[in-house]
């Protein structure tokens, strides 16, 4: 049975501290896909770091908690008095106030930032089926730049189900819920065991591909204030860079791939592992 896994690092660009840890997940050869938040404090530095790593696929991790790339006066329906997105993560109902025109301009600016540094647009994104002007603008920009969207189906235990585009059903590409169904409450931190969940994944058919979305990185005061997933990021980093997780991949002959490999049948990530003589190269398992 072929066991293929995309290990995606979410929230890339969040803060310098977080990215310092996230980059370790890539450098150890485990992580193959970077989901970038284009409105965050460390976005430019993160994109610069990713620029010369073509073996990694890039996802558009639409965030909209921080501040728009455009000056606030150019997108007034998106921002509060402080110039930040008015809804943050606590008041999503305020997204209804965003006009199509402002949202379109901001999303377009985010893609121009991406292209100005990477020389390309993201490979994948997730689009919501919604009548909100903001969501319609997002879909329009994703389609404008030819970004593949809604490419994976959700496993039954995933708490954030997504609607897979029918044209991608044949990929049998599943977003695993094992990475997201734990409590991120600080009082539960001592019981948070991401390594156990990382090694609980099971394949049932020969052509299944799974995607893990985790948040391996370091924490700082900005993340503590903004996100319920904060100190847990450090445990996720420790888990995915551990020898135990690496050995699990090798012993179970798991083929690490990126999202372009899933979409187009390429072998970019494995070719990279081979080039650096990584023990995670699938050729070493046979």
Protein backbone atom coordinates (compact mmCIF):
# COMPACT_ATOMS: atom_id res chain seq x y z
CA UNK A 1 0.00 0.00 0.00
CA UNK A 2 1.31 3.42 -0.96
CA UNK A 3 1.23 5.83 2.01
CA UNK A 4 1.56 9.46 0.95
CA UNK A 5 1.51 12.39 3.37
CA UNK A 6 1.61 16.16 2.97
CA UNK A 7 2.87 17.73 6.19
CA UNK A 8 1.67 21.34 6.05
CA UNK A 9 2.90 24.08 8.36
CA UNK A 10 0.10 26.54 8.99
CA UNK A 11 0.36 30.21 9.99
CA UNK A 12 3.70 30.87 8.26
CA UNK A 13 4.46 34.58 8.52
CA UNK A 14 2.70 34.98 11.87
CA UNK A 15 5.60 36.41 13.90
CA UNK A 16 9.42 36.17 13.81
CA UNK A 17 9.37 33.89 16.86
CA UNK A 18 6.82 31.53 15.37
CA UNK A 19 8.61 31.35 12.03
CA UNK A 20 11.93 30.63 13.70
CA UNK A 21 10.40 27.39 14.89
CA UNK A 22 8.38 26.73 11.75
CA UNK A 23 11.52 26.87 9.63
CA UNK A 24 12.99 24.06 11.75
CA UNK A 25 10.08 21.84 10.74
CA UNK A 26 11.02 22.42 7.10
CA UNK A 27 14.74 22.07 7.66
CA UNK A 28 14.39 18.66 9.31
CA UNK A 29 12.81 17.35 6.11
CA UNK A 30 9.38 16.61 7.52
CA UNK A 31 7.29 19.59 6.41
CA UNK A 32 6.58 19.90 2.70
CA UNK A 33 4.02 22.70 2.41
CA UNK A 34 3.89 26.24 3.81
CA UNK A 35 0.53 27.89 4.39
CA UNK A 36 1.31 31.61 4.43
CA UNK A 37 -0.70 34.37 6.12
CA UNK A 38 -0.10 37.42 3.95
CA UNK A 39 -1.33 40.02 6.45
CA UNK A 40 0.93 39.13 9.36
CA UNK A 41 3.98 40.75 10.99
CA UNK A 42 6.62 38.36 9.58
CA UNK A 43 5.12 37.73 6.13
CA UNK A 44 7.83 39.46 4.09
CA UNK A 45 10.66 37.74 5.96
CA UNK A 46 8.92 34.37 5.65
CA UNK A 47 8.39 34.76 1.90
CA UNK A 48 12.03 35.76 1.51
CA UNK A 49 13.08 32.60 3.36
CA UNK A 50 10.80 30.46 1.16
CA UNK A 51 11.95 32.02 -2.10
CA UNK A 52 14.85 29.65 -2.77
CA UNK A 53 13.05 26.49 -1.63
CA UNK A 54 11.05 25.42 -4.69
CA UNK A 55 10.49 21.92 -3.31
CA UNK A 56 7.95 23.38 -0.88
CA UNK A 57 4.40 24.05 -2.04
CA UNK A 58 2.74 27.30 -0.97
CA UNK A 59 -0.79 27.64 0.35
CA UNK A 60 -2.81 30.80 0.90
CA UNK A 61 -3.73 30.67 4.57
CA UNK A 62 -6.22 33.51 4.54
CA UNK A 63 -5.95 35.11 7.95
CA UNK A 64 -7.42 38.62 8.14
CA UNK A 65 -6.71 39.10 11.83
CA UNK A 66 -3.90 41.60 11.52
CA UNK A 67 -3.71 44.66 9.23
CA UNK A 68 -4.29 45.03 5.48
CA UNK A 69 -1.37 45.42 3.15
CA UNK A 70 -3.02 48.44 1.61
CA UNK A 71 -3.23 51.74 3.51
CA UNK A 72 -6.36 51.73 5.72
CA UNK A 73 -7.83 54.70 3.88
CA UNK A 74 -7.89 52.64 0.66
CA UNK A 75 -9.99 49.86 2.22
CA UNK A 76 -12.15 51.65 4.81
CA UNK A 77 -14.84 48.96 5.00
CA UNK A 78 -12.26 46.41 6.21
CA UNK A 79 -10.65 48.23 9.12
CA UNK A 80 -11.31 49.66 12.56
CA UNK A 81 -10.00 52.88 14.04
CA UNK A 82 -6.61 51.27 14.68
CA UNK A 83 -6.24 50.30 11.02
CA UNK A 84 -6.61 46.57 11.70
CA UNK A 85 -9.18 44.22 10.24
CA UNK A 86 -12.29 45.12 12.22
CA UNK A 87 -13.49 41.56 12.87
CA UNK A 88 -10.23 40.03 14.14
CA UNK A 89 -10.98 36.47 15.21
CA UNK A 90 -13.64 37.35 17.75
CA UNK A 91 -16.27 39.11 15.61
CA UNK A 92 -16.61 37.36 12.24
CA UNK A 93 -20.08 38.88 11.86
CA UNK A 94 -18.38 42.19 11.02
CA UNK A 95 -17.13 40.67 7.77
CA UNK A 96 -20.57 41.51 6.41
CA UNK A 97 -19.54 45.16 6.40
CA UNK A 98 -16.67 44.55 3.97
CA UNK A 99 -17.44 45.72 0.44
CA UNK A 100 -16.55 43.64 -2.58
CA UNK A 101 -14.41 46.45 -3.97
CA UNK A 102 -12.30 46.86 -0.82
CA UNK A 103 -11.87 43.13 -0.31
CA UNK A 104 -10.92 42.60 -3.95
CA UNK A 105 -8.27 45.34 -3.78
CA UNK A 106 -6.78 43.93 -0.58
CA UNK A 107 -6.67 40.33 -1.77
CA UNK A 108 -5.13 41.46 -5.04
CA UNK A 109 -2.48 43.42 -3.13
CA UNK A 110 -1.65 40.34 -1.06
CA UNK A 111 -1.09 38.35 -4.23
CA UNK A 112 1.09 41.08 -5.69
CA UNK A 113 3.21 40.97 -2.54
CA UNK A 114 3.52 37.21 -2.90
CA UNK A 115 4.56 37.44 -6.54
CA UNK A 116 7.01 40.29 -5.93
CA UNK A 117 9.04 38.06 -3.59
CA UNK A 118 8.40 34.47 -4.70
CA UNK A 119 7.98 35.16 -8.40
CA UNK A 120 4.82 33.06 -8.33
CA UNK A 121 1.40 32.88 -6.70
CA UNK A 122 0.29 30.31 -4.12
CA UNK A 123 -0.38 26.79 -5.32
CA UNK A 124 -3.54 26.18 -3.31
CA UNK A 125 -6.25 27.90 -1.29
CA UNK A 126 -9.58 27.13 0.36
CA UNK A 127 -12.65 29.04 -0.79
CA UNK A 128 -15.90 29.28 1.12
CA UNK A 129 -19.22 28.88 -0.65
CA UNK A 130 -20.78 32.12 0.62
CA UNK A 131 -22.78 35.11 -0.59
CA UNK A 132 -20.69 37.52 1.45
CA UNK A 133 -19.04 40.14 -0.78
CA UNK A 134 -15.72 39.46 0.94
CA UNK A 135 -15.90 35.75 0.12
CA UNK A 136 -16.92 36.44 -3.47
CA UNK A 137 -13.96 38.80 -3.84
CA UNK A 138 -11.60 36.16 -2.44
CA UNK A 139 -12.86 33.55 -4.90
CA UNK A 140 -12.51 36.01 -7.77
CA UNK A 141 -8.85 36.69 -6.92
CA UNK A 142 -8.06 32.99 -6.46
CA UNK A 143 -9.51 32.30 -9.90
CA UNK A 144 -7.82 35.35 -11.42
CA UNK A 145 -4.38 33.97 -10.54
CA UNK A 146 -5.14 30.34 -11.35
CA UNK A 147 -4.78 29.08 -7.79
CA UNK A 148 -6.18 25.58 -7.24
CA UNK A 149 -8.79 25.62 -4.51
CA UNK A 150 -10.82 23.19 -2.41
CA UNK A 151 -8.65 20.31 -3.52
CA UNK A 152 -9.00 18.02 -0.53
CA UNK A 153 -11.91 16.30 1.11
CA UNK A 154 -12.29 16.29 4.86
CA UNK A 155 -11.92 13.16 6.90
CA UNK A 156 -15.07 12.46 8.98
CA UNK A 157 -13.43 13.63 12.22
CA UNK A 158 -12.30 17.03 10.89
CA UNK A 159 -13.86 19.89 12.81
CA UNK A 160 -13.55 22.36 9.91
CA UNK A 161 -15.03 20.46 6.93
CA UNK A 162 -14.34 21.88 3.49
CA UNK A 163 -16.23 21.40 0.26
CA UNK A 164 -14.05 19.56 -2.22
CA UNK A 165 -14.37 20.66 -5.83
CA UNK A 166 -15.77 17.62 -7.71
CA UNK A 167 -12.90 17.74 -10.21
CA UNK A 168 -10.47 16.85 -7.40
CA UNK A 169 -12.45 13.95 -5.90
CA UNK A 170 -10.36 11.42 -7.82
CA UNK A 171 -7.24 12.54 -5.95
CA UNK A 172 -8.50 10.88 -2.76
CA UNK A 173 -6.80 13.68 -0.88
CA UNK A 174 -7.98 13.92 2.70
CA UNK A 175 -7.47 16.56 5.35
CA UNK A 176 -6.97 14.63 8.55
CA UNK A 177 -8.85 15.84 11.60
CA UNK A 178 -6.34 14.29 13.97
CA UNK A 179 -4.34 17.52 14.02
CA UNK A 180 -7.17 19.79 15.08
CA UNK A 181 -9.56 18.03 17.41
CA UNK A 182 -7.71 18.73 20.67
CA UNK A 183 -8.35 21.42 23.23
CA UNK A 184 -6.07 24.44 23.04
CA UNK A 185 -7.05 25.64 26.50
CA UNK A 186 -4.03 26.48 28.62
CA UNK A 187 -5.37 24.38 31.48
CA UNK A 188 -5.23 21.38 29.14
CA UNK A 189 -1.69 22.08 27.95
CA UNK A 190 -0.06 19.46 30.15
CA UNK A 191 -2.24 16.81 28.54
CA UNK A 192 -1.63 17.93 24.97
CA UNK A 193 0.22 15.12 23.20
CA UNK A 194 0.54 15.93 19.47
CA UNK A 195 3.10 13.20 18.79
CA UNK A 196 0.56 10.52 19.62
CA UNK A 197 -1.86 12.05 17.13
CA UNK A 198 0.80 12.46 14.46
CA UNK A 199 1.56 8.77 14.64
CA UNK A 200 -2.09 7.67 14.74
CA UNK A 201 -2.75 8.20 11.04
CA UNK A 202 -3.85 5.10 9.12
CA UNK A 203 -4.22 4.51 5.38
CA UNK A 204 -7.00 2.19 4.19
CA UNK A 205 -6.65 2.31 0.38
CA UNK A 206 -3.69 2.22 -1.96
CA UNK A 207 -4.20 5.67 -3.48
CA UNK A 208 -5.18 7.69 -0.41
CA UNK A 209 -3.21 10.85 0.29
CA UNK A 210 -3.45 12.60 3.65
CA UNK A 211 -2.72 16.18 4.59
CA UNK A 212 -1.67 17.11 8.11
CA UNK A 213 -2.02 20.76 9.07
CA UNK A 214 -0.08 21.66 12.22
CA UNK A 215 1.37 24.80 13.81
CA UNK A 216 4.96 23.87 14.76
CA UNK A 217 6.79 26.94 15.98
CA UNK A 218 7.68 29.11 18.91
CA UNK A 219 5.37 31.40 20.84
CA UNK A 220 5.57 35.07 21.82
CA UNK A 221 3.41 37.70 23.47
CA UNK A 222 1.65 38.60 20.21
CA UNK A 223 0.53 35.01 19.68
CA UNK A 224 -0.44 34.64 23.33
CA UNK A 225 -2.73 37.64 22.98
CA UNK A 226 -4.18 36.80 19.58
CA UNK A 227 -4.49 33.01 19.37
CA UNK A 228 -5.92 30.24 21.52
CA UNK A 229 -3.32 27.94 19.93
CA UNK A 230 -0.22 29.39 21.53
CA UNK A 231 2.14 27.36 23.73
CA UNK A 232 0.81 24.24 22.03
CA UNK A 233 2.82 25.26 18.97
CA UNK A 234 6.05 24.48 20.83
CA UNK A 235 4.90 20.93 21.57
CA UNK A 236 3.93 20.45 17.94
CA UNK A 237 7.40 21.58 16.86
CA UNK A 238 9.05 19.24 19.34
CA UNK A 239 6.88 16.36 18.13
CA UNK A 240 7.36 16.72 14.38
CA UNK A 241 11.13 17.22 14.65
CA UNK A 242 11.60 14.32 17.04
CA UNK A 243 13.52 11.18 16.22
CA UNK A 244 10.49 9.17 17.20
CA UNK A 245 8.34 10.79 14.50
CA UNK A 246 11.07 10.45 11.91
CA UNK A 247 11.46 6.77 12.74
CA UNK A 248 7.69 6.29 12.46
CA UNK A 249 7.80 7.71 8.92
CA UNK A 250 10.70 5.46 7.95
CA UNK A 251 9.36 2.31 9.59
CA UNK A 252 5.93 2.77 7.99
CA UNK A 253 7.46 3.69 4.61
CA UNK A 254 5.49 6.94 4.41
CA UNK A 255 6.14 8.98 1.27
CA UNK A 256 6.33 12.69 2.09
CA UNK A 257 5.12 14.86 -0.79
CA UNK A 258 4.03 18.46 -1.37
CA UNK A 259 0.68 19.70 -2.65
CA UNK A 260 1.86 20.19 -6.22
CA UNK A 261 2.87 16.53 -6.21
CA UNK A 262 -0.73 15.67 -5.32
CA UNK A 263 -2.22 17.95 -7.97
CA UNK A 264 0.07 17.27 -10.90
CA UNK A 265 1.66 13.89 -10.22
CA UNK A 266 5.12 15.39 -9.80
CA UNK A 267 7.79 14.12 -7.42
CA UNK A 268 9.34 17.40 -6.30
CA UNK A 269 9.59 16.82 -2.57
CA UNK A 270 10.98 13.31 -2.81
CA UNK A 271 13.52 14.47 -5.38
CA UNK A 272 14.62 17.11 -2.88
CA UNK A 273 14.98 14.51 -0.12
CA UNK A 274 17.01 12.37 -2.48
CA UNK A 275 19.25 15.30 -3.43
CA UNK A 276 20.11 16.06 0.20
CA UNK A 277 20.59 12.35 0.97
CA UNK A 278 17.81 12.39 3.56
CA UNK A 279 16.90 9.13 5.30
CA UNK A 280 13.29 10.19 4.62
CA UNK A 281 13.73 9.63 0.88
CA UNK A 282 11.36 6.83 -0.06
CA UNK A 283 14.10 5.14 -2.08
CA UNK A 284 15.93 4.40 1.16
CA UNK A 285 12.97 2.38 2.45
CA UNK A 286 13.17 -0.32 -0.19
